[in-house]
Amino acid sequence: MDQKKIELAEKLRKYIHHYGIHDFTEEHLNRVGLTLNELKQHFTSREDIVNTIWEHERNCFEAIFTEYNFDGWNAIDILLIVGNEINDRFFHVTPSVTMQLAETFPVLYESHKRLRSAFIYEKFKINIEKGMEQGIYKDDVSSEMITRMCIARLNDIHNPEIYPPEGYTFATIFNNMIDHVITSVTNEEGKKYYKQRKQLYSVLNFR
């Protein structure tokens, strides 16, 4: 995705949050720094717009693992760093926009969810196995089961009955999920390390 489309994707998500996906007016577009001419020049349809927004979201998530070289890192520190980056990059991403788009474009959403889940599944499974090897996660946990539980919980982010869309951000929910995973799988040594590192990250204003 080129830089221009990235800029447009960020503005379009803001636009949809305020005005919806169905009606693009010059007046409303101008309020978020867009024009109808830009949309016509860079997108072929509303489906193209939605695909771009979700592709950009996935790219932002995957970029965390590209920018950081986590080889040799402590498994708990990896999750804390990822949580911090999620908070910085997705703080304003509210599930309400995704819910709206998912209802209007269910086929596109299923494709987005499948691609996102596959990437997160791989990274969480690697992390669980790394923590077990490092002796800070319990040695009797199933990396497969824990990872699948994470994916199920992540998909619940867009269930309005569980998380009212205006009350939570993606970052808040994702960080709570990370906290739940760590406290569930760590042994006593891991719990002590997590407590120390969490306090350090808080002092350094990482969160």
C-alpha atoms as a PDB file:
ATOM      1  CA  MET A   1       0.000   0.000   0.000  1.00  0.00           C
ATOM      2  CA  ASP A   2       1.453   3.374  -0.998  1.00  0.00           C
ATOM      3  CA  GLN A   3       1.892   6.241   1.468  1.00  0.00           C
ATOM      4  CA  LYS A   4      -1.022   8.209   0.061  1.00  0.00           C
ATOM      5  CA  LYS A   5      -3.443   5.348   0.602  1.00  0.00           C
ATOM      6  CA  ILE A   6      -2.152   4.956   4.156  1.00  0.00           C
ATOM      7  CA  GLU A   7      -2.900   8.627   4.858  1.00  0.00           C
ATOM      8  CA  LEU A   8      -6.344   8.286   3.310  1.00  0.00           C
ATOM      9  CA  ALA A   9      -7.117   5.108   5.271  1.00  0.00           C
ATOM     10  CA  GLU A  10      -6.453   6.856   8.574  1.00  0.00           C
ATOM     11  CA  LYS A  11      -8.688   9.793   7.635  1.00  0.00           C
ATOM     12  CA  LEU A  12     -11.409   7.525   6.251  1.00  0.00           C
ATOM     13  CA  ARG A  13     -11.658   5.577   9.490  1.00  0.00           C
ATOM     14  CA  LYS A  14     -12.174   8.869  11.304  1.00  0.00           C
ATOM     15  CA  TYR A  15     -14.763   9.886   8.717  1.00  0.00           C
ATOM     16  CA  ILE A  16     -16.709   6.632   9.076  1.00  0.00           C
ATOM     17  CA  HIS A  17     -16.644   6.942  12.856  1.00  0.00           C
ATOM     18  CA  HIS A  18     -18.441  10.288  12.586  1.00  0.00           C
ATOM     19  CA  TYR A  19     -20.551   9.988   9.435  1.00  0.00           C
ATOM     20  CA  GLY A  20     -20.827   6.325   8.412  1.00  0.00           C
ATOM     21  CA  ILE A  21     -19.821   4.486   5.254  1.00  0.00           C
ATOM     22  CA  HIS A  22     -22.876   5.127   3.075  1.00  0.00           C
ATOM     23  CA  ASP A  23     -22.845   8.848   2.409  1.00  0.00           C
ATOM     24  CA  PHE A  24     -19.700  10.703   1.369  1.00  0.00           C
ATOM     25  CA  THR A  25     -20.382  14.432   1.145  1.00  0.00           C
ATOM     26  CA  GLU A  26     -17.871  17.123   0.292  1.00  0.00           C
ATOM     27  CA  GLU A  27     -18.766  19.058   3.420  1.00  0.00           C
ATOM     28  CA  HIS A  28     -18.167  16.135   5.777  1.00  0.00           C
ATOM     29  CA  LEU A  29     -15.071  14.970   3.914  1.00  0.00           C
ATOM     30  CA  ASN A  30     -13.521  18.414   4.233  1.00  0.00           C
ATOM     31  CA  ARG A  31     -13.933  18.235   7.998  1.00  0.00           C
ATOM     32  CA  VAL A  32     -11.511  15.303   8.167  1.00  0.00           C
ATOM     33  CA  GLY A  33      -9.154  16.626   5.496  1.00  0.00           C
ATOM     34  CA  LEU A  34     -10.503  14.668   2.514  1.00  0.00           C
ATOM     35  CA  THR A  35     -12.095  15.490  -0.836  1.00  0.00           C
ATOM     36  CA  LEU A  36     -14.380  13.582  -3.181  1.00  0.00           C
ATOM     37  CA  ASN A  37     -11.768  13.957  -5.899  1.00  0.00           C
ATOM     38  CA  GLU A  38      -9.198  12.123  -3.739  1.00  0.00           C
ATOM     39  CA  LEU A  39     -11.595   9.243  -3.167  1.00  0.00           C
ATOM     40  CA  LYS A  40     -12.386   8.935  -6.868  1.00  0.00           C
ATOM     41  CA  GLN A  41      -8.701   9.111  -7.739  1.00  0.00           C
ATOM     42  CA  HIS A  42      -7.507   6.427  -5.303  1.00  0.00           C
ATOM     43  CA  PHE A  43     -10.490   4.090  -4.759  1.00  0.00           C
ATOM     44  CA  THR A  44     -12.751   2.208  -7.126  1.00  0.00           C
ATOM     45  CA  SER A  45     -15.611   1.489  -4.695  1.00  0.00           C
ATOM     46  CA  ARG A  46     -16.730   1.468  -1.065  1.00  0.00           C
ATOM     47  CA  GLU A  47     -15.467  -2.105  -0.892  1.00  0.00           C
ATOM     48  CA  ASP A  48     -12.049  -0.856  -1.940  1.00  0.00           C
ATOM     49  CA  ILE A  49     -12.168   1.742   0.835  1.00  0.00           C
ATOM     50  CA  VAL A  50     -13.079  -0.845   3.453  1.00  0.00           C
ATOM     51  CA  ASN A  51     -10.402  -3.266   2.285  1.00  0.00           C
ATOM     52  CA  THR A  52      -7.834  -0.463   2.472  1.00  0.00           C
ATOM     53  CA  ILE A  53      -8.832   0.479   6.028  1.00  0.00           C
ATOM     54  CA  TRP A  54      -8.544  -3.116   7.224  1.00  0.00           C
ATOM     55  CA  GLU A  55      -5.329  -3.801   5.327  1.00  0.00           C
ATOM     56  CA  HIS A  56      -3.807  -0.707   6.924  1.00  0.00           C
ATOM     57  CA  GLU A  57      -4.946  -1.912  10.361  1.00  0.00           C
ATOM     58  CA  ARG A  58      -3.289  -5.310   9.835  1.00  0.00           C
ATOM     59  CA  ASN A  59      -0.121  -3.698   8.484  1.00  0.00           C
ATOM     60  CA  CYS A  60       0.140  -1.484  11.581  1.00  0.00           C
ATOM     61  CA  PHE A  61      -0.113  -4.537  13.792  1.00  0.00           C
ATOM     62  CA  GLU A  62       2.387  -6.589  11.805  1.00  0.00           C
ATOM     63  CA  ALA A  63       4.814  -3.641  11.687  1.00  0.00           C
ATOM     64  CA  ILE A  64       5.374  -3.995  15.437  1.00  0.00           C
ATOM     65  CA  PHE A  65       7.020  -7.362  14.888  1.00  0.00           C
ATOM     66  CA  THR A  66       8.948  -6.086  11.875  1.00  0.00           C
ATOM     67  CA  GLU A  67      10.353  -3.050  13.671  1.00  0.00           C
ATOM     68  CA  TYR A  68      11.371  -4.946  16.806  1.00  0.00           C
ATOM     69  CA  ASN A  69      13.827  -7.809  16.710  1.00  0.00           C
ATOM     70  CA  PHE A  70      12.337 -10.021  19.420  1.00  0.00           C
ATOM     71  CA  ASP A  71      14.865 -12.815  18.928  1.00  0.00           C
ATOM     72  CA  GLY A  72      16.330 -13.666  22.334  1.00  0.00           C
ATOM     73  CA  TRP A  73      13.901 -11.454  24.257  1.00  0.00           C
ATOM     74  CA  ASN A  74      12.108 -12.522  27.423  1.00  0.00           C
ATOM     75  CA  ALA A  75       8.606 -13.721  26.477  1.00  0.00           C
ATOM     76  CA  ILE A  76       6.914 -11.454  29.033  1.00  0.00           C
ATOM     77  CA  ASP A  77       8.812  -8.392  27.812  1.00  0.00           C
ATOM     78  CA  ILE A  78       7.710  -9.141  24.263  1.00  0.00           C
ATOM     79  CA  LEU A  79       4.042  -9.067  25.265  1.00  0.00           C
ATOM     80  CA  LEU A  80       4.532  -5.879  27.278  1.00  0.00           C
ATOM     81  CA  ILE A  81       6.231  -4.146  24.349  1.00  0.00           C
ATOM     82  CA  VAL A  82       3.526  -5.320  21.952  1.00  0.00           C
ATOM     83  CA  GLY A  83       0.869  -4.078  24.369  1.00  0.00           C
ATOM     84  CA  ASN A  84       2.580  -0.702  24.604  1.00  0.00           C
ATOM     85  CA  GLU A  85       2.813  -0.382  20.831  1.00  0.00           C
ATOM     86  CA  ILE A  86      -0.824  -1.418  20.423  1.00  0.00           C
ATOM     87  CA  ASN A  87      -1.762   1.309  22.882  1.00  0.00           C
ATOM     88  CA  ASP A  88       0.206   3.909  20.894  1.00  0.00           C
ATOM     89  CA  ARG A  89      -0.924   2.855  17.439  1.00  0.00           C
ATOM     90  CA  PHE A  90      -4.521   1.785  18.078  1.00  0.00           C
ATOM     91  CA  PHE A  91      -5.570   4.052  20.943  1.00  0.00           C
ATOM     92  CA  HIS A  92      -8.205   5.785  18.816  1.00  0.00           C
ATOM     93  CA  VAL A  93      -9.402   2.645  17.004  1.00  0.00           C
ATOM     94  CA  THR A  94     -12.877   2.027  18.380  1.00  0.00           C
ATOM     95  CA  PRO A  95     -14.650  -1.293  17.721  1.00  0.00           C
ATOM     96  CA  SER A  96     -17.753   0.690  16.692  1.00  0.00           C
ATOM     97  CA  VAL A  97     -16.281   1.405  13.247  1.00  0.00           C
ATOM     98  CA  THR A  98     -15.345  -2.222  12.652  1.00  0.00           C
ATOM     99  CA  MET A  99     -18.811  -3.355  13.776  1.00  0.00           C
ATOM    100  CA  GLN A 100     -20.444  -0.960  11.342  1.00  0.00           C
ATOM    101  CA  LEU A 101     -18.240  -2.103   8.470  1.00  0.00           C
ATOM    102  CA  ALA A 102     -18.672  -5.781   9.382  1.00  0.00           C
ATOM    103  CA  GLU A 103     -22.459  -5.450   9.231  1.00  0.00           C
ATOM    104  CA  THR A 104     -22.319  -3.732   5.845  1.00  0.00           C
ATOM    105  CA  PHE A 105     -19.551  -5.865   4.307  1.00  0.00           C
ATOM    106  CA  PRO A 106     -19.666  -9.252   6.097  1.00  0.00           C
ATOM    107  CA  VAL A 107     -17.688 -11.152   3.445  1.00  0.00           C
ATOM    108  CA  LEU A 108     -14.865  -8.616   3.499  1.00  0.00           C
ATOM    109  CA  TYR A 109     -14.872  -8.669   7.296  1.00  0.00           C
ATOM    110  CA  GLU A 110     -14.547 -12.453   7.444  1.00  0.00           C
ATOM    111  CA  SER A 111     -11.521 -12.245   5.175  1.00  0.00           C
ATOM    112  CA  HIS A 112      -9.989  -9.500   7.329  1.00  0.00           C
ATOM    113  CA  LYS A 113     -10.677 -11.419  10.533  1.00  0.00           C
ATOM    114  CA  ARG A 114      -9.164 -14.613   9.105  1.00  0.00           C
ATOM    115  CA  LEU A 115      -5.953 -12.858   8.032  1.00  0.00           C
ATOM    116  CA  ARG A 116      -5.637 -10.969  11.324  1.00  0.00           C
ATOM    117  CA  SER A 117      -6.326 -14.070  13.410  1.00  0.00           C
ATOM    118  CA  ALA A 118      -3.792 -16.174  11.494  1.00  0.00           C
ATOM    119  CA  PHE A 119      -1.012 -13.662  12.170  1.00  0.00           C
ATOM    120  CA  ILE A 120      -1.876 -13.208  15.849  1.00  0.00           C
ATOM    121  CA  TYR A 121      -2.267 -16.973  16.311  1.00  0.00           C
ATOM    122  CA  GLU A 122       1.270 -17.582  15.041  1.00  0.00           C
ATOM    123  CA  LYS A 123       2.813 -14.868  17.243  1.00  0.00           C
ATOM    124  CA  PHE A 124       1.001 -15.885  20.427  1.00  0.00           C
ATOM    125  CA  LYS A 125       1.790 -19.574  19.940  1.00  0.00           C
ATOM    126  CA  ILE A 126       5.489 -18.753  19.497  1.00  0.00           C
ATOM    127  CA  ASN A 127       5.381 -16.598  22.626  1.00  0.00           C
ATOM    128  CA  ILE A 128       3.783 -19.290  24.788  1.00  0.00           C
ATOM    129  CA  GLU A 129       6.352 -21.867  23.674  1.00  0.00           C
ATOM    130  CA  LYS A 130       9.205 -19.376  24.185  1.00  0.00           C
ATOM    131  CA  GLY A 131       8.032 -18.626  27.737  1.00  0.00           C
ATOM    132  CA  MET A 132       7.884 -22.331  28.546  1.00  0.00           C
ATOM    133  CA  GLU A 133      11.427 -22.828  27.228  1.00  0.00           C
ATOM    134  CA  GLN A 134      12.630 -19.866  29.305  1.00  0.00           C
ATOM    135  CA  GLY A 135      11.121 -21.349  32.464  1.00  0.00           C
ATOM    136  CA  ILE A 136       8.762 -18.435  33.196  1.00  0.00           C
ATOM    137  CA  TYR A 137       5.551 -20.027  31.869  1.00  0.00           C
ATOM    138  CA  LYS A 138       3.995 -23.161  33.317  1.00  0.00           C
ATOM    139  CA  ASP A 139       5.351 -26.294  31.680  1.00  0.00           C
ATOM    140  CA  ASP A 140       1.958 -28.013  31.534  1.00  0.00           C
ATOM    141  CA  VAL A 141       0.012 -25.431  29.503  1.00  0.00           C
ATOM    142  CA  SER A 142      -1.113 -26.080  25.958  1.00  0.00           C
ATOM    143  CA  SER A 143       0.177 -23.392  23.619  1.00  0.00           C
ATOM    144  CA  GLU A 144      -2.499 -24.455  21.130  1.00  0.00           C
ATOM    145  CA  MET A 145      -5.357 -24.091  23.616  1.00  0.00           C
ATOM    146  CA  ILE A 146      -4.137 -20.786  25.079  1.00  0.00           C
ATOM    147  CA  THR A 147      -3.627 -19.318  21.622  1.00  0.00           C
ATOM    148  CA  ARG A 148      -7.068 -20.365  20.430  1.00  0.00           C
ATOM    149  CA  MET A 149      -8.594 -18.815  23.545  1.00  0.00           C
ATOM    150  CA  CYS A 150      -6.778 -15.568  22.703  1.00  0.00           C
ATOM    151  CA  ILE A 151      -8.178 -15.561  19.187  1.00  0.00           C
ATOM    152  CA  ALA A 152     -11.702 -16.226  20.463  1.00  0.00           C
ATOM    153  CA  ARG A 153     -11.386 -13.394  22.954  1.00  0.00           C
ATOM    154  CA  LEU A 154      -9.997 -11.071  20.304  1.00  0.00           C
ATOM    155  CA  ASN A 155     -12.944 -11.806  18.042  1.00  0.00           C
ATOM    156  CA  ASP A 156     -15.262 -10.950  20.943  1.00  0.00           C
ATOM    157  CA  ILE A 157     -13.918  -7.392  20.753  1.00  0.00           C
ATOM    158  CA  HIS A 158     -16.506  -6.749  18.070  1.00  0.00           C
ATOM    159  CA  ASN A 159     -19.412  -8.286  19.985  1.00  0.00           C
ATOM    160  CA  PRO A 160     -21.470  -5.299  21.217  1.00  0.00           C
ATOM    161  CA  GLU A 161     -23.146  -7.405  23.895  1.00  0.00           C
ATOM    162  CA  ILE A 162     -19.766  -8.055  25.525  1.00  0.00           C
ATOM    163  CA  TYR A 163     -18.026  -4.780  24.743  1.00  0.00           C
ATOM    164  CA  PRO A 164     -20.335  -1.789  24.111  1.00  0.00           C
ATOM    165  CA  PRO A 165     -18.639  -0.127  21.117  1.00  0.00           C
ATOM    166  CA  GLU A 166     -18.410   3.378  22.532  1.00  0.00           C
ATOM    167  CA  GLY A 167     -17.058   2.232  25.871  1.00  0.00           C
ATOM    168  CA  TYR A 168     -13.848   0.513  24.796  1.00  0.00           C
ATOM    169  CA  THR A 169     -10.957   0.969  22.399  1.00  0.00           C
ATOM    170  CA  PHE A 170      -9.169  -1.852  20.614  1.00  0.00           C
ATOM    171  CA  ALA A 171      -6.020  -0.997  22.590  1.00  0.00           C
ATOM    172  CA  THR A 172      -7.756  -1.274  25.984  1.00  0.00           C
ATOM    173  CA  ILE A 173      -9.288  -4.636  25.191  1.00  0.00           C
ATOM    174  CA  PHE A 174      -6.108  -6.029  23.641  1.00  0.00           C
ATOM    175  CA  ASN A 175      -3.985  -5.004  26.628  1.00  0.00           C
ATOM    176  CA  ASN A 176      -6.463  -6.568  29.036  1.00  0.00           C
ATOM    177  CA  MET A 177      -6.217  -9.747  26.995  1.00  0.00           C
ATOM    178  CA  ILE A 178      -2.406  -9.695  27.254  1.00  0.00           C
ATOM    179  CA  ASP A 179      -2.636  -9.212  31.019  1.00  0.00           C
ATOM    180  CA  HIS A 180      -5.023 -12.159  31.273  1.00  0.00           C
ATOM    181  CA  VAL A 181      -2.740 -14.378  29.183  1.00  0.00           C
ATOM    182  CA  ILE A 182       0.358 -13.567  31.223  1.00  0.00           C
ATOM    183  CA  THR A 183      -1.308 -14.075  34.600  1.00  0.00           C
ATOM    184  CA  SER A 184      -2.829 -17.348  33.364  1.00  0.00           C
ATOM    185  CA  VAL A 185       0.296 -19.000  31.988  1.00  0.00           C
ATOM    186  CA  THR A 186       3.135 -17.732  34.206  1.00  0.00           C
ATOM    187  CA  ASN A 187       4.609 -19.815  37.013  1.00  0.00           C
ATOM    188  CA  GLU A 188       5.707 -18.222  40.284  1.00  0.00           C
ATOM    189  CA  GLU A 189       8.993 -16.995  38.823  1.00  0.00           C
ATOM    190  CA  GLY A 190       7.169 -15.543  35.835  1.00  0.00           C
ATOM    191  CA  LYS A 191       4.580 -13.822  38.016  1.00  0.00           C
ATOM    192  CA  LYS A 192       7.316 -12.093  40.039  1.00  0.00           C
ATOM    193  CA  TYR A 193       9.081 -10.990  36.862  1.00  0.00           C
ATOM    194  CA  TYR A 194       5.824  -9.729  35.354  1.00  0.00           C
ATOM    195  CA  LYS A 195       5.004  -7.686  38.446  1.00  0.00           C
ATOM    196  CA  GLN A 196       8.443  -6.054  38.407  1.00  0.00           C
ATOM    197  CA  ARG A 197       8.430  -5.326  34.697  1.00  0.00           C
ATOM    198  CA  LYS A 198       4.875  -4.012  34.700  1.00  0.00           C
ATOM    199  CA  GLN A 199       5.793  -1.554  37.463  1.00  0.00           C
ATOM    200  CA  LEU A 200       8.903  -0.481  35.534  1.00  0.00           C
ATOM    201  CA  TYR A 201       6.954   0.099  32.330  1.00  0.00           C
ATOM    202  CA  SER A 202       4.431   2.153  34.292  1.00  0.00           C
ATOM    203  CA  VAL A 203       7.151   4.322  35.835  1.00  0.00           C
ATOM    204  CA  LEU A 204       8.698   4.906  32.414  1.00  0.00           C
ATOM    205  CA  ASN A 205       5.280   5.964  31.110  1.00  0.00           C
ATOM    206  CA  PHE A 206       5.261   3.214  28.538  1.00  0.00           C
ATOM    207  CA  ARG A 207       1.509   2.963  29.046  1.00  0.00           C
END
